[in-house]
Amino acid sequence: SVCVPLASDLNDLVSSAGPDVGSFCYFFVDAGCSTSGDFFHVGNPGYGDLSKVPVNGPAGSTRNYEDKLSSYFCV
């Protein structure tokens, strides 16, 4: 998998994320898909509201990733 940097018109400006059917993606707060910062993974259909991404599944607590993402990769 190749790390994809978000272009300047999307960097820190993404409010939803949804991989294609059959894909599973990792989204990162830091550039270069660095795991030193926050990140999450998701399959299709994704999350329509990144301000409420489940941390431990749908019934668990949530974390706000809205307008914070800088890179991603999909498998």
PDB file of N, CA and C in Angstrom:
ATOM      1  N   SER A   1       0.837  -1.198   0.000  1.00  0.00           N
ATOM      2  CA  SER A   1       0.000   0.000   0.000  1.00  0.00           C
ATOM      3  C   SER A   1       0.874   1.251   0.000  1.00  0.00           C
ATOM      4  N   VAL A   2       0.414   2.262  -0.672  1.00  0.00           N
ATOM      5  CA  VAL A   2       1.163   3.505  -0.804  1.00  0.00           C
ATOM      6  C   VAL A   2       0.478   4.603   0.002  1.00  0.00           C
ATOM      7  N   CYS A   3       1.252   5.333   0.774  1.00  0.00           N
ATOM      8  CA  CYS A   3       0.716   6.457   1.538  1.00  0.00           C
ATOM      9  C   CYS A   3       0.387   7.597   0.577  1.00  0.00           C
ATOM     10  N   VAL A   4      -0.819   8.132   0.732  1.00  0.00           N
ATOM     11  CA  VAL A   4      -1.274   9.228  -0.127  1.00  0.00           C
ATOM     12  C   VAL A   4      -1.386  10.503   0.707  1.00  0.00           C
ATOM     13  N   PRO A   5      -0.605  11.533   0.389  1.00  0.00           N
ATOM     14  CA  PRO A   5      -0.761  12.811   1.095  1.00  0.00           C
ATOM     15  C   PRO A   5      -1.997  13.534   0.573  1.00  0.00           C
ATOM     16  N   LEU A   6      -2.723  14.178   1.456  1.00  0.00           N
ATOM     17  CA  LEU A   6      -3.864  14.969   1.008  1.00  0.00           C
ATOM     18  C   LEU A   6      -3.361  16.265   0.381  1.00  0.00           C
ATOM     19  N   ALA A   7      -3.931  16.621  -0.750  1.00  0.00           N
ATOM     20  CA  ALA A   7      -3.560  17.861  -1.436  1.00  0.00           C
ATOM     21  C   ALA A   7      -3.918  19.058  -0.563  1.00  0.00           C
ATOM     22  N   SER A   8      -3.318  20.197  -0.843  1.00  0.00           N
ATOM     23  CA  SER A   8      -3.513  21.390  -0.011  1.00  0.00           C
ATOM     24  C   SER A   8      -4.977  21.797   0.103  1.00  0.00           C
ATOM     25  N   ASP A   9      -5.792  21.506  -0.921  1.00  0.00           N
ATOM     26  CA  ASP A   9      -7.208  21.876  -0.840  1.00  0.00           C
ATOM     27  C   ASP A   9      -8.012  20.912   0.022  1.00  0.00           C
ATOM     28  N   LEU A  10      -7.392  19.805   0.476  1.00  0.00           N
ATOM     29  CA  LEU A  10      -8.062  18.850   1.358  1.00  0.00           C
ATOM     30  C   LEU A  10      -7.363  18.695   2.706  1.00  0.00           C
ATOM     31  N   ASN A  11      -6.075  18.993   2.781  1.00  0.00           N
ATOM     32  CA  ASN A  11      -5.322  18.803   4.015  1.00  0.00           C
ATOM     33  C   ASN A  11      -5.959  19.572   5.165  1.00  0.00           C
ATOM     34  N   ASP A  12      -6.261  18.849   6.238  1.00  0.00           N
ATOM     35  CA  ASP A  12      -6.911  19.421   7.429  1.00  0.00           C
ATOM     36  C   ASP A  12      -8.279  20.029   7.116  1.00  0.00           C
ATOM     37  N   LEU A  13      -8.939  19.555   6.054  1.00  0.00           N
ATOM     38  CA  LEU A  13     -10.252  20.086   5.672  1.00  0.00           C
ATOM     39  C   LEU A  13     -11.278  18.990   5.378  1.00  0.00           C
ATOM     40  N   VAL A  14     -11.001  17.753   5.752  1.00  0.00           N
ATOM     41  CA  VAL A  14     -11.891  16.632   5.448  1.00  0.00           C
ATOM     42  C   VAL A  14     -12.873  16.414   6.596  1.00  0.00           C
ATOM     43  N   SER A  15     -14.166  16.273   6.259  1.00  0.00           N
ATOM     44  CA  SER A  15     -15.179  16.077   7.299  1.00  0.00           C
ATOM     45  C   SER A  15     -15.889  14.732   7.191  1.00  0.00           C
ATOM     46  N   SER A  16     -15.603  13.945   6.142  1.00  0.00           N
ATOM     47  CA  SER A  16     -16.157  12.595   6.004  1.00  0.00           C
ATOM     48  C   SER A  16     -15.169  11.751   5.209  1.00  0.00           C
ATOM     49  N   ALA A  17     -15.248  10.431   5.386  1.00  0.00           N
ATOM     50  CA  ALA A  17     -14.341   9.530   4.674  1.00  0.00           C
ATOM     51  C   ALA A  17     -15.035   8.207   4.432  1.00  0.00           C
ATOM     52  N   GLY A  18     -14.953   7.712   3.202  1.00  0.00           N
ATOM     53  CA  GLY A  18     -15.579   6.447   2.860  1.00  0.00           C
ATOM     54  C   GLY A  18     -14.823   5.699   1.788  1.00  0.00           C
ATOM     55  N   PRO A  19     -14.209   4.582   2.150  1.00  0.00           N
ATOM     56  CA  PRO A  19     -13.498   3.772   1.168  1.00  0.00           C
ATOM     57  C   PRO A  19     -14.456   3.122   0.169  1.00  0.00           C
ATOM     58  N   ASP A  20     -13.918   2.742  -0.977  1.00  0.00           N
ATOM     59  CA  ASP A  20     -14.692   1.996  -1.963  1.00  0.00           C
ATOM     60  C   ASP A  20     -15.075   0.633  -1.400  1.00  0.00           C
ATOM     61  N   VAL A  21     -16.101   0.013  -1.976  1.00  0.00           N
ATOM     62  CA  VAL A  21     -16.505  -1.330  -1.580  1.00  0.00           C
ATOM     63  C   VAL A  21     -15.312  -2.268  -1.740  1.00  0.00           C
ATOM     64  N   GLY A  22     -15.050  -3.071  -0.724  1.00  0.00           N
ATOM     65  CA  GLY A  22     -13.937  -4.008  -0.761  1.00  0.00           C
ATOM     66  C   GLY A  22     -12.616  -3.432  -0.288  1.00  0.00           C
ATOM     67  N   SER A  23     -12.575  -2.138  -0.006  1.00  0.00           N
ATOM     68  CA  SER A  23     -11.345  -1.497   0.479  1.00  0.00           C
ATOM     69  C   SER A  23     -11.420  -1.255   1.979  1.00  0.00           C
ATOM     70  N   PHE A  24     -10.264  -1.169   2.583  1.00  0.00           N
ATOM     71  CA  PHE A  24     -10.125  -0.856   3.999  1.00  0.00           C
ATOM     72  C   PHE A  24      -9.030   0.190   4.080  1.00  0.00           C
ATOM     73  N   CYS A  25      -9.313   1.341   4.689  1.00  0.00           N
ATOM     74  CA  CYS A  25      -8.355   2.450   4.677  1.00  0.00           C
ATOM     75  C   CYS A  25      -7.957   2.898   6.076  1.00  0.00           C
ATOM     76  N   TYR A  26      -6.743   3.395   6.160  1.00  0.00           N
ATOM     77  CA  TYR A  26      -6.195   4.000   7.369  1.00  0.00           C
ATOM     78  C   TYR A  26      -6.019   5.488   7.091  1.00  0.00           C
ATOM     79  N   PHE A  27      -6.513   6.321   8.002  1.00  0.00           N
ATOM     80  CA  PHE A  27      -6.427   7.776   7.861  1.00  0.00           C
ATOM     81  C   PHE A  27      -5.592   8.327   9.011  1.00  0.00           C
ATOM     82  N   PHE A  28      -4.708   9.278   8.695  1.00  0.00           N
ATOM     83  CA  PHE A  28      -3.730   9.775   9.658  1.00  0.00           C
ATOM     84  C   PHE A  28      -3.805  11.288   9.822  1.00  0.00           C
ATOM     85  N   VAL A  29      -3.630  11.739  11.061  1.00  0.00           N
ATOM     86  CA  VAL A  29      -3.566  13.167  11.354  1.00  0.00           C
ATOM     87  C   VAL A  29      -2.244  13.733  10.833  1.00  0.00           C
ATOM     88  N   ASP A  30      -1.179  12.953  10.931  1.00  0.00           N
ATOM     89  CA  ASP A  30       0.143  13.403  10.493  1.00  0.00           C
ATOM     90  C   ASP A  30       0.400  13.064   9.027  1.00  0.00           C
ATOM     91  N   ALA A  31       1.269  13.822   8.409  1.00  0.00           N
ATOM     92  CA  ALA A  31       1.701  13.543   7.038  1.00  0.00           C
ATOM     93  C   ALA A  31       2.524  12.258   7.011  1.00  0.00           C
ATOM     94  N   GLY A  32       2.628  11.647   5.846  1.00  0.00           N
ATOM     95  CA  GLY A  32       3.463  10.468   5.690  1.00  0.00           C
ATOM     96  C   GLY A  32       2.906   9.212   6.328  1.00  0.00           C
ATOM     97  N   CYS A  33       1.622   9.220   6.667  1.00  0.00           N
ATOM     98  CA  CYS A  33       0.974   8.066   7.310  1.00  0.00           C
ATOM     99  C   CYS A  33       1.703   7.661   8.591  1.00  0.00           C
ATOM    100  N   SER A  34       2.171   8.643   9.320  1.00  0.00           N
ATOM    101  CA  SER A  34       2.918   8.404  10.551  1.00  0.00           C
ATOM    102  C   SER A  34       1.989   7.952  11.676  1.00  0.00           C
ATOM    103  N   THR A  35       2.381   6.876  12.348  1.00  0.00           N
ATOM    104  CA  THR A  35       1.605   6.382  13.482  1.00  0.00           C
ATOM    105  C   THR A  35       1.994   7.070  14.786  1.00  0.00           C
ATOM    106  N   SER A  36       2.879   8.059  14.730  1.00  0.00           N
ATOM    107  CA  SER A  36       3.238   8.787  15.950  1.00  0.00           C
ATOM    108  C   SER A  36       2.107   9.708  16.393  1.00  0.00           C
ATOM    109  N   GLY A  37       1.210  10.060  15.472  1.00  0.00           N
ATOM    110  CA  GLY A  37       0.031  10.858  15.797  1.00  0.00           C
ATOM    111  C   GLY A  37      -1.212   9.989  15.745  1.00  0.00           C
ATOM    112  N   ASP A  38      -2.359  10.594  15.911  1.00  0.00           N
ATOM    113  CA  ASP A  38      -3.621   9.858  15.879  1.00  0.00           C
ATOM    114  C   ASP A  38      -3.925   9.340  14.482  1.00  0.00           C
ATOM    115  N   PHE A  39      -4.594   8.192  14.439  1.00  0.00           N
ATOM    116  CA  PHE A  39      -5.061   7.629  13.172  1.00  0.00           C
ATOM    117  C   PHE A  39      -6.227   6.695  13.454  1.00  0.00           C
ATOM    118  N   PHE A  40      -6.977   6.355  12.416  1.00  0.00           N
ATOM    119  CA  PHE A  40      -8.058   5.380  12.540  1.00  0.00           C
ATOM    120  C   PHE A  40      -8.161   4.596  11.244  1.00  0.00           C
ATOM    121  N   HIS A  41      -8.865   3.476  11.308  1.00  0.00           N
ATOM    122  CA  HIS A  41      -9.088   2.659  10.117  1.00  0.00           C
ATOM    123  C   HIS A  41     -10.583   2.442   9.938  1.00  0.00           C
ATOM    124  N   VAL A  42     -10.986   2.243   8.683  1.00  0.00           N
ATOM    125  CA  VAL A  42     -12.411   2.088   8.390  1.00  0.00           C
ATOM    126  C   VAL A  42     -12.598   1.376   7.053  1.00  0.00           C
ATOM    127  N   GLY A  43     -13.665   0.601   6.971  1.00  0.00           N
ATOM    128  CA  GLY A  43     -14.069  -0.024   5.715  1.00  0.00           C
ATOM    129  C   GLY A  43     -15.267   0.710   5.142  1.00  0.00           C
ATOM    130  N   ASN A  44     -15.779   0.209   4.041  1.00  0.00           N
ATOM    131  CA  ASN A  44     -16.958   0.787   3.402  1.00  0.00           C
ATOM    132  C   ASN A  44     -18.183   0.536   4.283  1.00  0.00           C
ATOM    133  N   PRO A  45     -19.075   1.458   4.520  1.00  0.00           N
ATOM    134  CA  PRO A  45     -19.241   2.711   3.798  1.00  0.00           C
ATOM    135  C   PRO A  45     -18.470   3.894   4.377  1.00  0.00           C
ATOM    136  N   GLY A  46     -17.785   3.723   5.496  1.00  0.00           N
ATOM    137  CA  GLY A  46     -17.006   4.823   6.063  1.00  0.00           C
ATOM    138  C   GLY A  46     -17.767   5.602   7.110  1.00  0.00           C
ATOM    139  N   TYR A  47     -17.339   6.828   7.339  1.00  0.00           N
ATOM    140  CA  TYR A  47     -17.946   7.712   8.333  1.00  0.00           C
ATOM    141  C   TYR A  47     -18.393   9.000   7.661  1.00  0.00           C
ATOM    142  N   GLY A  48     -19.653   9.342   7.821  1.00  0.00           N
ATOM    143  CA  GLY A  48     -20.191  10.570   7.257  1.00  0.00           C
ATOM    144  C   GLY A  48     -19.882  11.792   8.096  1.00  0.00           C
ATOM    145  N   ASP A  49     -19.472  11.568   9.343  1.00  0.00           N
ATOM    146  CA  ASP A  49     -19.188  12.671  10.263  1.00  0.00           C
ATOM    147  C   ASP A  49     -17.918  12.348  11.039  1.00  0.00           C
ATOM    148  N   LEU A  50     -16.800  12.920  10.616  1.00  0.00           N
ATOM    149  CA  LEU A  50     -15.526  12.621  11.268  1.00  0.00           C
ATOM    150  C   LEU A  50     -15.375  13.269  12.641  1.00  0.00           C
ATOM    151  N   SER A  51     -16.350  14.054  13.063  1.00  0.00           N
ATOM    152  CA  SER A  51     -16.284  14.614  14.416  1.00  0.00           C
ATOM    153  C   SER A  51     -16.699  13.576  15.456  1.00  0.00           C
ATOM    154  N   LYS A  52     -17.188  12.411  14.993  1.00  0.00           N
ATOM    155  CA  LYS A  52     -17.669  11.372  15.911  1.00  0.00           C
ATOM    156  C   LYS A  52     -17.224   9.991  15.449  1.00  0.00           C
ATOM    157  N   VAL A  53     -15.927   9.773  15.319  1.00  0.00           N
ATOM    158  CA  VAL A  53     -15.401   8.477  14.888  1.00  0.00           C
ATOM    159  C   VAL A  53     -15.330   7.548  16.098  1.00  0.00           C
ATOM    160  N   PRO A  54     -15.965   6.370  16.017  1.00  0.00           N
ATOM    161  CA  PRO A  54     -15.923   5.434  17.146  1.00  0.00           C
ATOM    162  C   PRO A  54     -14.493   5.001  17.460  1.00  0.00           C
ATOM    163  N   VAL A  55     -14.169   4.972  18.741  1.00  0.00           N
ATOM    164  CA  VAL A  55     -12.844   4.553  19.172  1.00  0.00           C
ATOM    165  C   VAL A  55     -12.825   3.048  19.412  1.00  0.00           C
ATOM    166  N   ASN A  56     -13.854   2.525  20.063  1.00  0.00           N
ATOM    167  CA  ASN A  56     -13.932   1.097  20.379  1.00  0.00           C
ATOM    168  C   ASN A  56     -15.216   0.501  19.831  1.00  0.00           C
ATOM    169  N   GLY A  57     -15.516   0.766  18.576  1.00  0.00           N
ATOM    170  CA  GLY A  57     -16.750   0.270  17.984  1.00  0.00           C
ATOM    171  C   GLY A  57     -17.878   1.254  18.195  1.00  0.00           C
ATOM    172  N   PRO A  58     -19.013   0.988  17.558  1.00  0.00           N
ATOM    173  CA  PRO A  58     -20.140   1.926  17.582  1.00  0.00           C
ATOM    174  C   PRO A  58     -20.652   2.281  18.974  1.00  0.00           C
ATOM    175  N   ALA A  59     -20.550   1.358  19.940  1.00  0.00           N
ATOM    176  CA  ALA A  59     -21.079   1.634  21.274  1.00  0.00           C
ATOM    177  C   ALA A  59     -20.059   2.322  22.177  1.00  0.00           C
ATOM    178  N   GLY A  60     -18.805   2.424  21.727  1.00  0.00           N
ATOM    179  CA  GLY A  60     -17.757   3.017  22.547  1.00  0.00           C
ATOM    180  C   GLY A  60     -17.718   4.528  22.440  1.00  0.00           C
ATOM    181  N   SER A  61     -16.697   5.096  23.020  1.00  0.00           N
ATOM    182  CA  SER A  61     -16.530   6.543  22.945  1.00  0.00           C
ATOM    183  C   SER A  61     -16.089   6.946  21.539  1.00  0.00           C
ATOM    184  N   THR A  62     -16.136   8.238  21.268  1.00  0.00           N
ATOM    185  CA  THR A  62     -15.768   8.729  19.939  1.00  0.00           C
ATOM    186  C   THR A  62     -14.609   9.719  20.037  1.00  0.00           C
ATOM    187  N   ARG A  63     -13.986   9.963  18.889  1.00  0.00           N
ATOM    188  CA  ARG A  63     -12.895  10.932  18.803  1.00  0.00           C
ATOM    189  C   ARG A  63     -13.153  11.836  17.604  1.00  0.00           C
ATOM    190  N   ASN A  64     -12.763  13.081  17.713  1.00  0.00           N
ATOM    191  CA  ASN A  64     -12.991  14.060  16.652  1.00  0.00           C
ATOM    192  C   ASN A  64     -11.795  14.116  15.695  1.00  0.00           C
ATOM    193  N   TYR A  65     -12.026  13.710  14.444  1.00  0.00           N
ATOM    194  CA  TYR A  65     -11.003  13.791  13.399  1.00  0.00           C
ATOM    195  C   TYR A  65     -11.374  14.806  12.325  1.00  0.00           C
ATOM    196  N   GLU A  66     -12.458  15.534  12.517  1.00  0.00           N
ATOM    197  CA  GLU A  66     -12.910  16.492  11.507  1.00  0.00           C
ATOM    198  C   GLU A  66     -11.864  17.584  11.292  1.00  0.00           C
ATOM    199  N   ASP A  67     -11.546  17.845  10.033  1.00  0.00           N
ATOM    200  CA  ASP A  67     -10.576  18.878   9.642  1.00  0.00           C
ATOM    201  C   ASP A  67      -9.193  18.662  10.255  1.00  0.00           C
ATOM    202  N   LYS A  68      -8.798  17.384  10.408  1.00  0.00           N
ATOM    203  CA  LYS A  68      -7.496  17.076  11.008  1.00  0.00           C
ATOM    204  C   LYS A  68      -6.646  16.115  10.182  1.00  0.00           C
ATOM    205  N   LEU A  69      -7.193  15.521   9.121  1.00  0.00           N
ATOM    206  CA  LEU A  69      -6.477  14.472   8.395  1.00  0.00           C
ATOM    207  C   LEU A  69      -5.487  15.032   7.380  1.00  0.00           C
ATOM    208  N   SER A  70      -4.332  14.326   7.254  1.00  0.00           N
ATOM    209  CA  SER A  70      -3.280  14.768   6.331  1.00  0.00           C
ATOM    210  C   SER A  70      -2.819  13.690   5.355  1.00  0.00           C
ATOM    211  N   SER A  71      -3.088  12.411   5.657  1.00  0.00           N
ATOM    212  CA  SER A  71      -2.645  11.342   4.763  1.00  0.00           C
ATOM    213  C   SER A  71      -3.472  10.082   4.993  1.00  0.00           C
ATOM    214  N   TYR A  72      -3.378   9.149   4.025  1.00  0.00           N
ATOM    215  CA  TYR A  72      -4.101   7.885   4.146  1.00  0.00           C
ATOM    216  C   TYR A  72      -3.488   6.824   3.235  1.00  0.00           C
ATOM    217  N   PHE A  73      -3.828   5.563   3.524  1.00  0.00           N
ATOM    218  CA  PHE A  73      -3.547   4.483   2.573  1.00  0.00           C
ATOM    219  C   PHE A  73      -4.655   3.451   2.684  1.00  0.00           C
ATOM    220  N   CYS A  74      -4.894   2.743   1.601  1.00  0.00           N
ATOM    221  CA  CYS A  74      -5.959   1.743   1.551  1.00  0.00           C
ATOM    222  C   CYS A  74      -5.397   0.395   1.119  1.00  0.00           C
ATOM    223  N   VAL A  75      -6.032  -0.656   1.600  1.00  0.00           N
ATOM    224  CA  VAL A  75      -5.650  -2.022   1.226  1.00  0.00           C
ATOM    225  C   VAL A  75      -6.847  -2.745   0.658  1.00  0.00           C
TER     226      VAL A  75
END
